[in-house]
Amino acid sequence: MRLLSLLLLATLVLFANIELPENFKADFTQTITNTKKKVIEYQGNVRFTDKKLFKWSYTEPTQKEVCTDGLELLVVDHDLEQVSAYRIAKGIDIAKILEKAKHHSENIYVAEYQNKKYTIQLDVSQKLHSMAYFDDLDNKVQIVFKNIKYGKGTLPSKSMKCNYPNDYDMIRG
């Protein structure tokens, strides 16, 4: 569920009064702080294209890939040699989220949707810098983007797919 929230938030950021690139690539650091102040930090890179395709590749502290087309979520855990596939019941309703997004201050945007508040920060060149929200378990999630490259056109579909060996265990959720 945490990954779904992350993907939903990333989709929101790209559409909320912020110039939407046709695609982008970036490195990221995701920090999750639980209610007892325990912190875990993940690092990796993300790709976005075609308004709905995302691929998150986690490299630290574990190797994991998360891919979605807005309807299905595929999670590949290379450490566990396991693939989990989930059908997203409600889908990702970008239009309704965008209706809620508001410019808050200088480079800050805020959106409230389905009882969650999302805070988005842009850098001086009006590109995505960071976003933060509380997930369904009241964990604070902050994602900081670096080395963002906005592009034109669609990224190759092969680069947006999660890759894994055929012998990984498959779990359907």
Protein backbone atom coordinates (compact mmCIF):
# COMPACT_ATOMS: atom_id res chain seq x y z
CA MET A 1 0.00 0.00 0.00
CA ARG A 2 2.90 2.32 0.74
CA LEU A 3 4.17 1.86 -2.83
CA LEU A 4 0.72 2.57 -4.27
CA SER A 5 0.57 5.80 -2.27
CA LEU A 6 4.02 6.71 -3.54
CA LEU A 7 3.00 6.15 -7.14
CA LEU A 8 -0.23 8.06 -6.70
CA LEU A 9 1.65 10.97 -5.19
CA ALA A 10 4.22 11.00 -7.94
CA THR A 11 1.44 11.08 -10.51
CA LEU A 12 -0.20 13.98 -8.68
CA VAL A 13 2.99 16.01 -8.69
CA LEU A 14 3.35 15.82 -12.41
CA PHE A 15 -0.09 17.20 -13.13
CA ALA A 16 -0.84 19.78 -10.40
CA ASN A 17 -0.36 23.23 -11.97
CA ILE A 18 3.13 22.11 -12.82
CA GLU A 19 4.29 21.83 -16.39
CA LEU A 20 3.88 18.20 -17.33
CA PRO A 21 6.84 16.74 -19.19
CA GLU A 22 6.13 13.99 -21.68
CA ASN A 23 8.63 11.92 -19.72
CA PHE A 24 11.18 12.29 -16.96
CA LYS A 25 13.98 10.42 -15.24
CA ALA A 26 15.38 11.19 -11.79
CA ASP A 27 17.33 9.81 -8.87
CA PHE A 28 15.47 9.83 -5.56
CA THR A 29 15.86 9.39 -1.83
CA GLN A 30 12.75 8.24 0.03
CA THR A 31 12.72 8.69 3.79
CA ILE A 32 10.01 7.00 5.85
CA THR A 33 9.61 7.96 9.50
CA ASN A 34 7.18 5.92 11.61
CA THR A 35 5.18 7.16 14.60
CA LYS A 36 7.99 6.04 16.95
CA LYS A 37 10.48 8.19 14.99
CA LYS A 38 12.26 5.17 13.48
CA VAL A 39 13.65 6.17 10.08
CA ILE A 40 14.43 4.09 7.01
CA GLU A 41 15.91 5.56 3.86
CA TYR A 42 15.69 4.15 0.35
CA GLN A 43 17.53 5.29 -2.76
CA GLY A 44 17.09 4.63 -6.44
CA ASN A 45 15.80 6.11 -9.66
CA VAL A 46 12.41 6.65 -11.25
CA ARG A 47 11.10 6.90 -14.80
CA PHE A 48 7.78 8.34 -15.96
CA THR A 49 6.18 8.37 -19.40
CA ASP A 50 2.84 8.39 -21.20
CA LYS A 51 0.97 10.07 -18.29
CA LYS A 52 0.49 6.78 -16.43
CA LEU A 53 3.57 4.57 -16.70
CA PHE A 54 6.03 4.62 -13.79
CA LYS A 55 9.04 2.52 -12.93
CA TRP A 56 10.71 2.92 -9.52
CA SER A 57 14.05 1.11 -9.22
CA TYR A 58 15.24 0.88 -5.63
CA THR A 59 18.97 0.28 -5.24
CA GLU A 60 19.61 0.86 -1.50
CA PRO A 61 19.26 -0.70 1.06
CA THR A 62 17.55 -3.39 -1.02
CA GLN A 63 17.08 -4.05 -4.73
CA LYS A 64 13.47 -3.74 -5.78
CA GLU A 65 11.52 -2.58 -8.82
CA VAL A 66 7.98 -1.20 -8.81
CA CYS A 67 6.15 -0.73 -12.09
CA THR A 68 2.62 0.46 -12.76
CA ASP A 69 0.34 1.42 -15.59
CA GLY A 70 -2.28 2.88 -13.23
CA LEU A 71 -4.31 -0.33 -13.21
CA GLU A 72 -1.80 -2.97 -12.11
CA LEU A 73 1.14 -2.74 -9.73
CA LEU A 74 4.09 -5.10 -10.10
CA VAL A 75 6.66 -5.34 -7.29
CA VAL A 76 9.88 -7.26 -7.94
CA ASP A 77 11.97 -7.96 -4.84
CA HIS A 78 15.33 -9.19 -6.09
CA ASP A 79 16.59 -10.00 -2.59
CA LEU A 80 13.63 -12.35 -1.98
CA GLU A 81 13.51 -13.53 -5.62
CA GLN A 82 9.80 -12.77 -5.58
CA VAL A 83 7.32 -10.93 -7.81
CA SER A 84 4.01 -9.59 -6.46
CA ALA A 85 1.29 -8.47 -8.87
CA TYR A 86 -1.69 -6.45 -7.67
CA ARG A 87 -4.74 -5.19 -9.48
CA ILE A 88 -5.41 -1.65 -8.32
CA ALA A 89 -9.10 -1.77 -7.39
CA LYS A 90 -9.97 1.91 -7.76
CA GLY A 91 -7.32 2.86 -10.29
CA ILE A 92 -5.52 6.16 -9.98
CA ASP A 93 -7.94 9.02 -10.52
CA ILE A 94 -5.55 11.77 -11.54
CA ALA A 95 -8.29 14.17 -12.63
CA LYS A 96 -9.90 14.27 -9.17
CA ILE A 97 -6.56 14.77 -7.46
CA LEU A 98 -5.70 17.61 -9.81
CA GLU A 99 -8.95 19.36 -9.05
CA LYS A 100 -7.77 19.57 -5.44
CA ALA A 101 -4.18 20.75 -6.05
CA LYS A 102 -3.57 24.38 -5.01
CA HIS A 103 -0.60 26.68 -5.10
CA HIS A 104 0.30 27.28 -1.45
CA SER A 105 3.37 29.54 -1.45
CA GLU A 106 6.43 30.36 -3.52
CA ASN A 107 7.37 26.88 -4.82
CA ILE A 108 4.96 24.84 -2.70
CA TYR A 109 1.78 23.09 -3.84
CA VAL A 110 -0.71 21.30 -1.58
CA ALA A 111 -3.40 18.82 -2.50
CA GLU A 112 -5.98 17.10 -0.33
CA TYR A 113 -7.54 13.98 -1.73
CA GLN A 114 -9.23 11.00 -0.07
CA ASN A 115 -8.38 12.33 3.40
CA LYS A 116 -4.67 12.74 2.62
CA LYS A 117 -2.66 15.92 2.31
CA TYR A 118 0.19 16.02 -0.19
CA THR A 119 2.91 18.70 -0.13
CA ILE A 120 4.94 19.23 -3.30
CA GLN A 121 8.00 21.47 -3.63
CA LEU A 122 9.54 22.73 -6.87
CA ASP A 123 13.10 23.96 -7.34
CA VAL A 124 13.99 27.42 -8.70
CA SER A 125 13.62 26.21 -12.29
CA GLN A 126 10.08 24.98 -11.46
CA LYS A 127 11.04 21.31 -11.63
CA LEU A 128 10.06 18.76 -9.05
CA HIS A 129 12.29 18.86 -5.95
CA SER A 130 10.44 16.94 -3.24
CA MET A 131 7.12 15.74 -1.97
CA ALA A 132 5.81 14.62 1.40
CA TYR A 133 2.70 12.99 2.82
CA PHE A 134 1.49 10.62 5.55
CA ASP A 135 0.69 7.10 4.39
CA ASP A 136 -2.15 4.87 5.62
CA LEU A 137 -0.05 3.77 8.64
CA ASP A 138 0.67 7.38 9.70
CA ASN A 139 4.27 7.11 8.51
CA LYS A 140 5.74 10.35 7.23
CA VAL A 141 7.02 9.81 3.69
CA GLN A 142 9.37 12.29 2.05
CA ILE A 143 10.82 11.87 -1.41
CA VAL A 144 13.62 14.13 -2.65
CA PHE A 145 14.42 14.10 -6.36
CA LYS A 146 17.87 14.82 -7.84
CA ASN A 147 19.27 14.94 -11.36
CA ILE A 148 15.81 15.31 -12.90
CA LYS A 149 15.75 15.19 -16.68
CA TYR A 150 12.52 16.20 -18.39
CA GLY A 151 12.09 14.91 -21.93
CA LYS A 152 9.82 14.91 -24.94
CA GLY A 153 8.20 11.86 -26.45
CA THR A 154 7.51 8.48 -24.92
CA LEU A 155 10.23 6.42 -23.25
CA PRO A 156 10.69 2.97 -24.81
CA SER A 157 8.17 0.53 -23.32
CA LYS A 158 10.98 -1.96 -22.64
CA SER A 159 12.61 0.55 -20.25
CA MET A 160 9.35 0.85 -18.27
CA LYS A 161 8.89 -2.85 -17.53
CA CYS A 162 10.02 -4.62 -14.39
CA ASN A 163 12.62 -7.23 -15.28
CA TYR A 164 13.03 -10.49 -13.41
CA PRO A 165 14.12 -14.08 -14.03
CA ASN A 166 11.43 -16.66 -14.81
CA ASP A 167 12.30 -18.67 -11.71
CA TYR A 168 11.21 -15.94 -9.25
CA ASP A 169 8.15 -16.83 -7.17
CA MET A 170 4.97 -15.12 -8.43
CA ILE A 171 2.33 -13.90 -5.99
CA ARG A 172 -0.97 -12.53 -7.27
CA GLY A 173 -2.83 -10.20 -4.92
